[in-house]
Amino acid sequence: MNFSSRLKELRIQADASQKDLAALVGISPRSFRYYESGEKEPNIATLITLADYFKVSLDYLVGRSDTK
């Protein structure tokens, strides 16, 4: 599983909106949609914030591991 699909899966499981997560990481909702569609990738600070929010490892978030 790649980053974009893992991000969408985690967001849905957390019952969080794209708008709320975009605000959490300080980007526009459109930019967050780009992350979920795979058109753009976040910087490391954003990845860390998202991993912390979802309580998963960076490797899990970016699809390098199936262990949360």
Foldseek 3Di string as FASTA:
>chain_A
DFQLCLLVVLCVVVVHDLCVLCVQLVHHSVVSVCSNVVVDDDDPVSLVSSCVVSVHDSCCNGVNDVHD
